[in-house]
Amino acid sequence: MDSEFFAFALKNTLDEVQKACPDIKNAFVLDQNHAVIAQDGNTTEEILTRAVEILNEMFEKADAIGGMDDLTIDGTNGQMNISRMEEV
């Protein structure tokens, strides 16, 4: 599948998920190299850049214990869920 088409389809999917679940404030998809494949329409570049920086630090630390497949962080202002799906 063409990567541009794949990214477009993922973006549309993320936008539709947010419409169905308004509690989701930001959503994005990274590839196995932690590069952004798609992001929803609400996620600014500033938010995305900072989130990817923090996630990269966490992924590096997780490698020391065998990696990470799923992670949930409960914060005072919300929750963040991270899930690995095959190559994404």
Protein backbone atom coordinates (compact mmCIF):
# COMPACT_ATOMS: atom_id res chain seq x y z
CA MET A 1 0.00 0.00 0.00
CA ASP A 2 1.26 3.49 -0.87
CA SER A 3 2.59 5.16 2.30
CA GLU A 4 0.94 8.50 1.46
CA PHE A 5 -2.44 6.81 1.08
CA PHE A 6 -1.83 4.82 4.29
CA ALA A 7 -1.02 8.03 6.22
CA PHE A 8 -4.14 9.75 4.82
CA ALA A 9 -6.33 6.80 5.82
CA LEU A 10 -4.83 6.73 9.32
CA LYS A 11 -5.35 10.47 9.78
CA ASN A 12 -9.00 10.14 8.77
CA THR A 13 -9.40 7.21 11.15
CA LEU A 14 -7.86 9.18 14.04
CA ASP A 15 -10.17 12.12 13.31
CA GLU A 16 -13.23 9.82 13.27
CA VAL A 17 -12.19 8.19 16.54
CA GLN A 18 -12.02 11.63 18.12
CA LYS A 19 -15.50 12.46 16.86
CA ALA A 20 -16.84 9.25 18.41
CA CYS A 21 -14.79 9.65 21.61
CA PRO A 22 -14.50 13.37 22.45
CA ASP A 23 -12.44 12.59 25.55
CA ILE A 24 -9.51 11.76 23.24
CA LYS A 25 -7.64 15.05 22.92
CA ASN A 26 -4.66 14.01 20.79
CA ALA A 27 -3.87 10.94 18.72
CA PHE A 28 -0.95 10.00 16.53
CA VAL A 29 0.76 6.95 15.07
CA LEU A 30 4.51 6.31 14.98
CA ASP A 31 6.39 3.76 12.90
CA GLN A 32 8.92 1.31 14.34
CA ASN A 33 11.63 4.00 14.08
CA HIS A 34 9.43 6.38 16.09
CA ALA A 35 8.76 8.66 13.11
CA VAL A 36 5.26 10.13 12.81
CA ILE A 37 3.07 8.35 10.26
CA ALA A 38 -0.18 10.19 11.00
CA GLN A 39 -1.72 12.58 13.47
CA ASP A 40 -5.22 13.82 14.13
CA GLY A 41 -6.31 17.33 13.23
CA ASN A 42 -6.15 18.54 16.86
CA THR A 43 -2.52 17.65 17.56
CA THR A 44 -0.22 20.61 16.94
CA GLU A 45 3.38 20.19 15.83
CA GLU A 46 4.52 21.52 19.22
CA ILE A 47 2.53 18.89 21.13
CA LEU A 48 3.63 16.17 18.72
CA THR A 49 7.31 17.09 18.88
CA ARG A 50 7.35 17.11 22.69
CA ALA A 51 5.39 13.86 22.94
CA VAL A 52 7.73 12.08 20.52
CA GLU A 53 10.80 13.35 22.42
CA ILE A 54 9.42 12.02 25.71
CA LEU A 55 8.34 8.72 24.16
CA ASN A 56 11.76 8.21 22.56
CA GLU A 57 13.40 8.61 25.97
CA MET A 58 10.97 6.09 27.45
CA PHE A 59 11.52 3.62 24.58
CA GLU A 60 15.30 3.83 25.05
CA LYS A 61 14.97 3.07 28.75
CA ALA A 62 12.47 0.27 28.07
CA ASP A 63 14.96 -1.43 25.72
CA ALA A 64 17.09 -2.19 28.77
CA ILE A 65 14.32 -4.41 30.16
CA GLY A 66 13.29 -6.06 26.91
CA GLY A 67 11.16 -3.35 25.31
CA MET A 68 7.61 -2.10 25.69
CA ASP A 69 4.41 -3.20 23.98
CA ASP A 70 1.74 -1.34 25.97
CA LEU A 71 1.83 1.51 28.44
CA THR A 72 -0.84 3.48 30.31
CA ILE A 73 0.04 6.66 32.19
CA ASP A 74 -2.54 8.15 34.55
CA GLY A 75 -1.96 11.84 35.16
CA THR A 76 -3.81 14.52 37.08
CA ASN A 77 -5.30 15.95 33.87
CA GLY A 78 -5.91 12.77 31.94
CA GLN A 79 -4.56 9.47 30.73
CA MET A 80 -2.17 8.46 27.97
CA ASN A 81 -2.34 5.04 26.33
CA ILE A 82 0.43 3.66 24.15
CA SER A 83 0.03 0.40 22.26
CA ARG A 84 2.29 -1.39 19.81
CA MET A 85 0.71 -3.06 16.80
CA GLU A 86 3.03 -5.17 14.64
CA GLU A 87 5.27 -2.71 12.75
CA VAL A 88 3.50 0.40 14.10
